C-alpha cells in the first residue's frame, strides 16, 4: 500500500487506483437512485407508502451533509486511500444491509451511511485523481461525471430485468455490494500517489506567484458551484412540465427533453475530457459553458417552441450538467493545492445545501407560473458566468503559465 510521487514515469503506475475510483463512482451513480428505483418493493417490505420511502431517501442527503466537512479534513490528514476504503465499507454496509433491514428506522440509518459514503468517496476520490494525473487533472475528474451517468443509466435496466423476471429485488442491492468487495481488493493492492506533486511535474504546471484568498477565489468558486448545480437541477426537474405548459408538447414528447439533456451532458464530458488534457485550461471551459447556459436558458424563456425546448435541454445538459461542477473542483484544487480535500468538501457541501433550497424555491414559483422557474434558471446561469469570469481573471493574476504548456488563448499570459 505504497504512496509514490506523481512523477513523469509514474502515471501508468496509478492507473489501477484510477480504475478503482471510477468503478466506485459508477456504483455511486447506482446508490443515489437505488432506493427510489426499488420504491414499490421497499414500501411493501416496510409497510409504508411513497412518503415513507421519501423519508428514507432523505437520509442520504442528511448523511452527506453531516459528514462531508469532517471527512475532508480526515482525507488531507490520513490520505486518500483511507477515505476511499471508508466510503467503500459504508457502501457495502448499505447494499448488503437494505434487503435485510428489519424496519424503516434501520433502513434510514443505512441511508445515512450511504450518504456518508458519498462524502468519503468525494473527499478521497477527487483529490486522488488530481494527484494521479497532475498534468491532466481536469480531464480525469470530469470523467467521474460520465461514470455516475452510466451507473444511473444501467441500474434502472437491471432493476427492470429483475422485475420482469420475477426475481428478488434484493439482488439489485447484493450485486453492487459484491462488486464493491472486488473494488476493495483493487484499492488495497494498487499504488496511490503522494499528496505532494513531484518536483519534475510541478515545474511544468502553472506557477503560483501570489497567494489566493479563501474569501476571494475560494468563495467565488463555491458560489460558482452552487449556481452551476442549481442551473442544471432546475432543467432536469422542470423541463418536461415547462415544455408541456409553454412549448405545446404532449406529455410523452416533453419527457424526451430529458433524453436530450442527458445526451448533451455526456457529449460535453467526452469532448472536454479530450480538450482539457492539453488544449484548453479549465477556467476557459467554465466561462464558455456558463455563457452557453446563459444564452440557452434565455432563448428557452423567450421562445419556448418544441424545437427550442429540445435544443435548450441539450445545450443546458452540455453546458451545465456536463461536468462543470467537476471543473470547479479542479480549479479550486489548483488555487488551494495543500487543502484539496477540505476545499472539495466545502464545495460539495454547498451543493448539498442548494439541493435543499432550490426545490423549495422552484416549488413556490411553480404555484405562480412555471415560466418563472426558467427565468430563475437564467438568473442562476448569469451568476455562474459572473463568478467564472472573476475566477478567470484571478487565475491569470495568480498563476504564470509555463511556455511549454501554453493552451488556447494563453499566449499573452506567458511571463
Protein backbone atom coordinates (compact mmCIF):
# COMPACT_ATOMS: atom_id res chain seq x y z
CA UNK A 1 0.00 0.00 0.00
CA UNK A 2 2.72 2.38 -1.06
CA UNK A 3 2.44 6.00 -1.95
CA UNK A 4 4.69 7.48 -4.61
CA UNK A 5 5.26 10.92 -6.06
CA UNK A 6 3.32 11.60 -9.21
CA UNK A 7 6.36 11.93 -11.42
CA UNK A 8 6.65 11.71 -15.18
CA UNK A 9 7.19 7.98 -15.26
CA UNK A 10 4.64 7.22 -12.59
CA UNK A 11 1.40 7.98 -14.46
CA UNK A 12 0.64 4.43 -15.55
CA UNK A 13 1.51 3.04 -12.10
CA UNK A 14 -1.53 4.84 -10.69
CA UNK A 15 -3.93 3.54 -13.33
CA UNK A 16 -5.29 0.80 -11.05
CA UNK A 17 -6.05 3.41 -8.40
CA UNK A 18 -7.91 5.46 -11.01
CA UNK A 19 -9.86 2.40 -12.17
CA UNK A 20 -10.87 1.67 -8.58
CA UNK A 21 -12.10 5.25 -8.16
CA UNK A 22 -14.01 5.25 -11.46
CA UNK A 23 -15.70 1.92 -10.62
CA UNK A 24 -16.67 3.32 -7.22
CA UNK A 25 -18.31 6.30 -8.92
CA UNK A 26 -20.12 4.01 -11.34
CA UNK A 27 -21.72 2.30 -8.34
CA UNK A 28 -22.13 5.65 -6.60
CA UNK A 29 -24.42 6.59 -9.50
CA UNK A 30 -26.47 3.49 -8.75
CA UNK A 31 -26.51 4.10 -4.99
CA UNK A 32 -28.18 7.52 -5.17
CA UNK A 33 -31.16 6.12 -7.10
CA UNK A 34 -31.28 2.60 -5.61
CA UNK A 35 -33.95 3.38 -3.01
CA UNK A 36 -36.15 5.28 -5.47
CA UNK A 37 -35.80 2.58 -8.13
CA UNK A 38 -36.93 -0.08 -5.65
CA UNK A 39 -39.61 2.08 -4.04
CA UNK A 40 -42.51 -0.34 -4.53
CA UNK A 41 -40.68 -3.35 -3.10
CA UNK A 42 -39.27 -1.39 -0.17
CA UNK A 43 -42.64 0.21 0.62
CA UNK A 44 -44.15 -3.27 0.79
CA UNK A 45 -41.28 -4.58 2.91
CA UNK A 46 -41.52 -1.77 5.46
CA UNK A 47 -45.33 -1.49 5.31
CA UNK A 48 -45.16 2.16 4.29
CA UNK A 49 -46.04 4.36 1.32
CA UNK A 50 -44.16 6.63 -1.07
CA UNK A 51 -43.88 9.30 1.63
CA UNK A 52 -42.17 6.77 3.89
CA UNK A 53 -39.64 5.92 1.19
CA UNK A 54 -39.11 9.65 0.55
CA UNK A 55 -38.28 9.97 4.26
CA UNK A 56 -35.86 7.08 3.83
CA UNK A 57 -34.19 8.73 0.83
CA UNK A 58 -33.74 11.96 2.80
CA UNK A 59 -31.29 10.07 4.99
CA UNK A 60 -28.83 10.06 2.09
CA UNK A 61 -28.73 13.84 1.92
CA UNK A 62 -28.50 14.14 5.70
CA UNK A 63 -25.61 11.68 5.90
CA UNK A 64 -23.72 13.54 3.21
CA UNK A 65 -24.33 16.98 4.72
CA UNK A 66 -23.32 15.97 8.25
CA UNK A 67 -20.07 14.22 7.32
CA UNK A 68 -18.55 15.94 4.30
CA UNK A 69 -16.60 18.71 6.07
CA UNK A 70 -15.27 16.28 8.68
CA UNK A 71 -14.23 13.77 6.02
CA UNK A 72 -12.47 16.48 4.03
CA UNK A 73 -10.18 17.20 6.97
CA UNK A 74 -9.60 13.46 7.53
CA UNK A 75 -8.66 12.96 3.88
CA UNK A 76 -5.98 15.65 4.00
CA UNK A 77 -4.68 14.21 7.29
CA UNK A 78 -4.81 10.42 6.73
CA UNK A 79 -4.67 10.12 2.95
CA UNK A 80 -6.92 9.37 0.01
CA UNK A 81 -6.80 5.58 0.19
CA UNK A 82 -8.12 5.58 3.76
CA UNK A 83 -11.13 7.73 2.83
CA UNK A 84 -11.90 5.73 -0.30
CA UNK A 85 -11.79 2.50 1.71
CA UNK A 86 -14.05 4.04 4.37
CA UNK A 87 -16.50 5.02 1.64
CA UNK A 88 -16.43 1.54 0.12
CA UNK A 89 -17.07 -0.09 3.51
CA UNK A 90 -20.06 2.20 4.09
CA UNK A 91 -21.38 1.41 0.60
CA UNK A 92 -21.12 -2.32 1.34
CA UNK A 93 -22.96 -1.89 4.64
CA UNK A 94 -25.74 -0.10 2.74
CA UNK A 95 -26.05 -2.51 -0.18
CA UNK A 96 -25.83 -5.68 1.91
CA UNK A 97 -27.95 -4.23 4.72
CA UNK A 98 -31.02 -2.78 2.98
CA UNK A 99 -32.57 -6.10 1.83
CA UNK A 100 -32.32 -7.48 5.38
CA UNK A 101 -33.33 -4.35 7.31
CA UNK A 102 -35.99 -5.26 9.90
CA UNK A 103 -37.70 -1.86 9.86
CA UNK A 104 -37.71 1.62 8.37
CA UNK A 105 -35.55 3.13 11.13
CA UNK A 106 -32.70 0.69 10.50
CA UNK A 107 -33.04 1.36 6.77
CA UNK A 108 -32.84 5.11 7.47
CA UNK A 109 -29.56 4.56 9.33
CA UNK A 110 -28.27 2.66 6.29
CA UNK A 111 -29.38 5.52 4.03
CA UNK A 112 -27.46 7.89 6.30
CA UNK A 113 -24.45 5.56 5.92
CA UNK A 114 -24.59 5.70 2.12
CA UNK A 115 -24.77 9.50 2.31
CA UNK A 116 -21.62 9.40 4.42
CA UNK A 117 -20.11 7.03 1.85
CA UNK A 118 -20.78 9.66 -0.84
CA UNK A 119 -18.82 12.17 1.25
CA UNK A 120 -15.93 9.78 1.83
CA UNK A 121 -15.63 8.90 -1.86
CA UNK A 122 -15.79 12.57 -2.89
CA UNK A 123 -13.17 13.75 -0.40
CA UNK A 124 -10.89 10.84 -1.26
CA UNK A 125 -11.63 10.27 -4.95
CA UNK A 126 -11.44 13.79 -6.37
CA UNK A 127 -8.10 14.69 -4.74
CA UNK A 128 -6.67 11.24 -5.56
CA UNK A 129 -7.42 11.62 -9.27
CA UNK A 130 -5.93 15.12 -9.30
CA UNK A 131 -2.79 13.68 -7.68
CA UNK A 132 -2.69 10.65 -10.01
CA UNK A 133 -2.79 12.84 -13.12
CA UNK A 134 -1.45 16.29 -12.17
CA UNK A 135 -0.94 17.29 -15.81
CA UNK A 136 -4.44 16.20 -16.85
CA UNK A 137 -6.38 16.59 -13.60
CA UNK A 138 -9.40 18.29 -15.19
CA UNK A 139 -9.80 15.53 -17.77
CA UNK A 140 -9.51 12.93 -15.01
CA UNK A 141 -12.16 14.44 -12.74
CA UNK A 142 -14.65 15.33 -15.49
CA UNK A 143 -14.83 11.63 -16.42
CA UNK A 144 -16.31 10.99 -12.96
CA UNK A 145 -19.47 12.64 -14.26
CA UNK A 146 -19.63 10.09 -17.08
CA UNK A 147 -19.21 7.17 -14.66
CA UNK A 148 -22.04 8.44 -12.45
CA UNK A 149 -24.25 8.90 -15.53
CA UNK A 150 -23.52 5.38 -16.76
CA UNK A 151 -24.36 3.97 -13.33
CA UNK A 152 -27.67 5.86 -13.27
CA UNK A 153 -28.42 4.71 -16.82
CA UNK A 154 -27.69 1.00 -16.35
CA UNK A 155 -29.03 0.45 -12.82
CA UNK A 156 -32.70 1.04 -13.77
CA UNK A 157 -32.26 -1.51 -16.56
CA UNK A 158 -31.04 -4.05 -14.01
CA UNK A 159 -33.99 -3.32 -11.71
CA UNK A 160 -36.41 -3.68 -14.64
CA UNK A 161 -34.83 -7.01 -15.56
CA UNK A 162 -35.36 -8.31 -12.02
CA UNK A 163 -38.99 -7.17 -12.10
CA UNK A 164 -39.92 -8.71 -15.46
CA UNK A 165 -38.08 -11.89 -14.50
CA UNK A 166 -39.95 -12.06 -11.15
CA UNK A 167 -36.64 -12.23 -9.30
CA UNK A 168 -35.99 -10.96 -5.76
CA UNK A 169 -35.49 -7.19 -5.66
CA UNK A 170 -32.66 -7.70 -3.17
CA UNK A 171 -30.31 -8.77 -5.96
CA UNK A 172 -30.31 -5.11 -7.05
CA UNK A 173 -28.52 -4.39 -3.76
CA UNK A 174 -26.50 -7.58 -3.28
CA UNK A 175 -24.75 -7.48 -6.68
CA UNK A 176 -23.39 -3.90 -6.24
CA UNK A 177 -22.24 -4.93 -2.76
CA UNK A 178 -20.28 -7.85 -4.23
CA UNK A 179 -18.71 -5.57 -6.84
CA UNK A 180 -17.61 -3.26 -4.03
CA UNK A 181 -15.88 -6.23 -2.37
CA UNK A 182 -13.82 -6.65 -5.55
CA UNK A 183 -13.11 -2.91 -5.68
CA UNK A 184 -11.85 -3.13 -2.08
CA UNK A 185 -9.26 -5.71 -3.12
CA UNK A 186 -8.19 -3.48 -6.01
CA UNK A 187 -7.85 -0.37 -3.83
CA UNK A 188 -5.87 -2.30 -1.20
CA UNK A 189 -3.44 -3.62 -3.81
CA UNK A 190 -2.87 -0.58 -6.03
CA UNK A 191 -0.45 2.32 -5.63
CA UNK A 192 -1.64 5.80 -4.67
CA UNK A 193 0.35 8.98 -5.31
CA UNK A 194 1.74 11.25 -2.66
CA UNK A 195 -0.38 14.28 -1.80
CA UNK A 196 2.62 16.42 -2.79
CA UNK A 197 3.24 16.80 -6.53
CA UNK A 198 6.66 15.62 -7.73
CA UNK A 199 9.06 18.49 -8.47
CA UNK A 200 9.67 17.20 -12.02
CA UNK A 201 5.95 17.56 -12.74
CA UNK A 202 5.46 20.76 -10.76
CA UNK A 203 7.83 22.76 -12.96
CA UNK A 204 5.62 22.04 -16.00
CA UNK A 205 2.45 23.27 -14.28
CA UNK A 206 1.24 26.88 -13.90
CA UNK A 207 3.32 28.52 -11.17
CA UNK A 208 1.65 30.40 -8.32
CA UNK A 209 3.11 33.89 -7.95
CA UNK A 210 0.70 35.18 -5.30
CA UNK A 211 -1.49 33.52 -2.70
CA UNK A 212 -5.21 33.15 -3.40
CA UNK A 213 -7.75 34.06 -0.75
CA UNK A 214 -10.35 31.72 0.73
CA UNK A 215 -12.73 34.70 0.92
CA UNK A 216 -11.97 35.72 -2.64
CA UNK A 217 -11.22 32.90 -5.06
CA UNK A 218 -12.48 30.26 -2.62
CA UNK A 219 -15.83 31.96 -2.04
CA UNK A 220 -16.35 32.69 -5.75
CA UNK A 221 -15.58 29.07 -6.64
CA UNK A 222 -18.16 27.86 -4.12
CA UNK A 223 -20.81 30.30 -5.44
CA UNK A 224 -19.98 29.13 -8.96
CA UNK A 225 -20.53 25.51 -7.91
CA UNK A 226 -23.85 26.25 -6.20
CA UNK A 227 -25.15 28.25 -9.19
CA UNK A 228 -23.95 25.66 -11.72
CA UNK A 229 -25.57 22.81 -9.78
CA UNK A 230 -28.82 24.74 -9.48
CA UNK A 231 -28.84 25.60 -13.20
CA UNK A 232 -28.89 22.00 -14.36
CA UNK A 233 -31.03 20.79 -11.45
CA UNK A 234 -33.85 23.14 -12.45
CA UNK A 235 -33.86 21.86 -16.03
CA UNK A 236 -33.60 18.20 -15.01
CA UNK A 237 -36.68 18.52 -12.79
CA UNK A 238 -38.88 21.10 -14.54
CA UNK A 239 -38.06 20.92 -18.25
CA UNK A 240 -40.81 18.40 -19.17
CA UNK A 241 -43.53 20.40 -17.40
CA UNK A 242 -42.32 23.66 -18.94
CA UNK A 243 -42.27 22.05 -22.40
CA UNK A 244 -45.87 20.89 -21.89
CA UNK A 245 -47.15 24.19 -20.48
CA UNK A 246 -45.39 26.63 -22.82
CA UNK A 247 -43.82 24.59 -25.61
CA UNK A 248 -47.02 22.97 -26.81
CA UNK A 249 -45.61 19.46 -26.37
CA UNK A 250 -47.55 16.37 -25.32
CA UNK A 251 -46.59 14.67 -22.07
CA UNK A 252 -44.81 11.80 -23.82
CA UNK A 253 -42.93 14.19 -26.12
CA UNK A 254 -41.98 16.51 -23.26
CA UNK A 255 -40.29 13.64 -21.44
CA UNK A 256 -37.86 13.27 -24.34
CA UNK A 257 -36.36 16.64 -23.43
CA UNK A 258 -34.59 14.90 -20.55
CA UNK A 259 -33.07 12.45 -23.03
CA UNK A 260 -31.68 15.41 -24.99
CA UNK A 261 -30.42 16.87 -21.70
CA UNK A 262 -28.65 13.60 -20.81
CA UNK A 263 -27.12 13.25 -24.27
CA UNK A 264 -25.82 16.81 -24.05
CA UNK A 265 -24.15 16.13 -20.71
CA UNK A 266 -22.37 13.02 -21.98
CA UNK A 267 -21.24 14.74 -25.19
CA UNK A 268 -19.71 17.52 -23.09
CA UNK A 269 -17.95 15.10 -20.75
CA UNK A 270 -16.13 13.27 -23.51
CA UNK A 271 -15.44 16.40 -25.58
CA UNK A 272 -13.86 18.24 -22.67
CA UNK A 273 -12.07 15.15 -21.34
CA UNK A 274 -10.10 15.39 -24.60
CA UNK A 275 -9.79 19.18 -24.78
CA UNK A 276 -8.80 19.71 -21.15
CA UNK A 277 -5.90 17.29 -21.35
CA UNK A 278 -3.66 19.70 -23.24
CA UNK A 279 -5.66 22.14 -25.36
CA UNK A 280 -7.96 24.19 -23.08
CA UNK A 281 -7.50 25.40 -19.50
CA UNK A 282 -10.42 24.62 -17.12
CA UNK A 283 -11.16 28.31 -16.46
CA UNK A 284 -11.77 28.82 -20.19
CA UNK A 285 -14.16 25.86 -20.24
CA UNK A 286 -16.01 27.27 -17.22
CA UNK A 287 -16.56 30.64 -18.92
CA UNK A 288 -17.59 29.06 -22.24
CA UNK A 289 -20.05 26.64 -20.67
CA UNK A 290 -21.54 29.34 -18.44
CA UNK A 291 -22.07 31.59 -21.48
CA UNK A 292 -23.78 28.76 -23.39
CA UNK A 293 -26.06 28.07 -20.40
CA UNK A 294 -26.98 31.77 -20.19
CA UNK A 295 -27.91 32.02 -23.86
CA UNK A 296 -29.75 28.68 -23.90
CA UNK A 297 -31.88 29.47 -20.83
CA UNK A 298 -32.68 32.98 -22.13
CA UNK A 299 -33.83 31.69 -25.54
CA UNK A 300 -35.75 28.93 -23.77
CA UNK A 301 -37.57 31.54 -21.69
CA UNK A 302 -38.34 33.85 -24.64
CA UNK A 303 -39.18 31.34 -27.39
CA UNK A 304 -40.44 28.05 -25.91
CA UNK A 305 -41.22 26.09 -29.12
CA UNK A 306 -40.85 22.28 -29.25
CA UNK A 307 -37.58 22.62 -31.18
CA UNK A 308 -36.23 25.24 -28.77
CA UNK A 309 -37.20 23.10 -25.77
CA UNK A 310 -35.27 20.12 -27.14
CA UNK A 311 -32.28 22.19 -28.23
CA UNK A 312 -32.29 24.15 -24.96
CA UNK A 313 -32.36 20.96 -22.90
CA UNK A 314 -29.42 19.59 -24.91
CA UNK A 315 -27.39 22.80 -24.57
CA UNK A 316 -28.01 23.17 -20.84
CA UNK A 317 -27.20 19.48 -20.40
CA UNK A 318 -23.99 20.10 -22.34
CA UNK A 319 -23.01 23.33 -20.62
CA UNK A 320 -24.27 22.95 -17.04
CA UNK A 321 -24.61 19.20 -16.42
CA UNK A 322 -21.63 18.01 -18.48
CA UNK A 323 -19.04 18.14 -15.74
CA UNK A 324 -18.94 21.85 -14.94
CA UNK A 325 -19.14 21.03 -11.21
CA UNK A 326 -16.09 18.81 -11.59
CA UNK A 327 -14.24 21.62 -13.38
CA UNK A 328 -14.96 23.85 -10.40
CA UNK A 329 -13.39 21.26 -8.09
CA UNK A 330 -10.29 21.04 -10.30
CA UNK A 331 -9.84 24.82 -10.38
CA UNK A 332 -10.37 25.12 -6.63
CA UNK A 333 -7.75 22.42 -6.08
CA UNK A 334 -5.31 24.44 -8.20
CA UNK A 335 -5.92 27.52 -6.08
CA UNK A 336 -5.53 25.59 -2.80
CA UNK A 337 -3.23 22.60 -3.54
CA UNK A 338 -2.40 21.88 0.12
CA UNK A 339 -6.06 21.52 1.14
CA UNK A 340 -7.60 19.74 -1.84
CA UNK A 341 -9.93 17.54 0.20
CA UNK A 342 -11.03 20.36 2.52
CA UNK A 343 -11.95 22.70 -0.32
CA UNK A 344 -13.67 19.83 -2.15
CA UNK A 345 -15.76 19.12 0.95
CA UNK A 346 -16.83 22.77 1.29
CA UNK A 347 -17.65 22.92 -2.42
CA UNK A 348 -19.74 19.73 -2.28
CA UNK A 349 -21.46 20.70 0.98
CA UNK A 350 -22.75 23.93 -0.52
CA UNK A 351 -24.04 21.95 -3.49
CA UNK A 352 -25.93 19.81 -0.99
CA UNK A 353 -27.50 22.91 0.54
CA UNK A 354 -28.56 24.02 -2.94
CA UNK A 355 -30.16 20.61 -3.37
CA UNK A 356 -32.34 21.51 -0.38
CA UNK A 357 -33.06 25.18 -1.15
CA UNK A 358 -33.71 25.08 -4.90
CA UNK A 359 -36.61 22.59 -4.72
CA UNK A 360 -38.30 24.87 -2.18
CA UNK A 361 -37.80 27.93 -4.39
CA UNK A 362 -38.97 26.22 -7.57
CA UNK A 363 -41.93 24.69 -5.76
CA UNK A 364 -43.03 28.17 -4.70
CA UNK A 365 -42.54 29.60 -8.20
CA UNK A 366 -44.49 26.74 -9.76
CA UNK A 367 -47.58 27.95 -7.91
CA UNK A 368 -47.25 31.30 -9.71
CA UNK A 369 -46.03 30.17 -13.14
CA UNK A 370 -43.56 27.56 -14.33
CA UNK A 371 -42.18 30.19 -16.68
CA UNK A 372 -40.66 31.98 -13.68
CA UNK A 373 -38.70 28.81 -12.91
CA UNK A 374 -36.94 29.11 -16.27
CA UNK A 375 -36.33 32.80 -15.53
CA UNK A 376 -34.74 31.71 -12.25
CA UNK A 377 -32.61 29.28 -14.24
CA UNK A 378 -31.42 32.14 -16.44
CA UNK A 379 -30.52 34.17 -13.35
CA UNK A 380 -28.53 31.24 -11.97
CA UNK A 381 -26.74 30.84 -15.30
CA UNK A 382 -25.82 34.54 -15.23
CA UNK A 383 -24.39 34.01 -11.74
CA UNK A 384 -22.25 31.12 -13.00
CA UNK A 385 -20.99 33.35 -15.81
CA UNK A 386 -20.11 36.25 -13.50
CA UNK A 387 -18.29 34.03 -10.99
CA UNK A 388 -16.47 32.14 -13.76
CA UNK A 389 -15.28 35.46 -15.24
CA UNK A 390 -14.00 36.52 -11.82
CA UNK A 391 -12.14 33.21 -11.40
CA UNK A 392 -10.79 33.51 -14.95
CA UNK A 393 -9.36 36.95 -14.23
CA UNK A 394 -7.91 35.91 -10.88
CA UNK A 395 -6.43 32.69 -12.28
CA UNK A 396 -4.13 34.58 -14.63
CA UNK A 397 -3.31 37.13 -11.93
CA UNK A 398 -2.27 34.37 -9.53
CA UNK A 399 -0.59 31.89 -11.91
CA UNK A 400 2.13 32.30 -14.51
CA UNK A 401 1.82 29.94 -17.48
CA UNK A 402 4.92 27.91 -18.40
CA UNK A 403 6.00 28.29 -22.03
CA UNK A 404 5.82 24.51 -22.58
CA UNK A 405 2.13 24.34 -21.57
CA UNK A 406 0.51 27.25 -23.40
CA UNK A 407 -3.09 26.44 -24.31
CA UNK A 408 -5.90 28.09 -26.24
CA UNK A 409 -5.84 31.89 -25.85
CA UNK A 410 -2.98 31.92 -23.35
CA UNK A 411 -0.07 33.33 -25.37
CA UNK A 412 -0.49 36.78 -23.82
CA UNK A 413 -0.34 35.33 -20.29
CA UNK A 414 3.20 33.91 -20.61
CA UNK A 415 5.60 35.50 -18.16
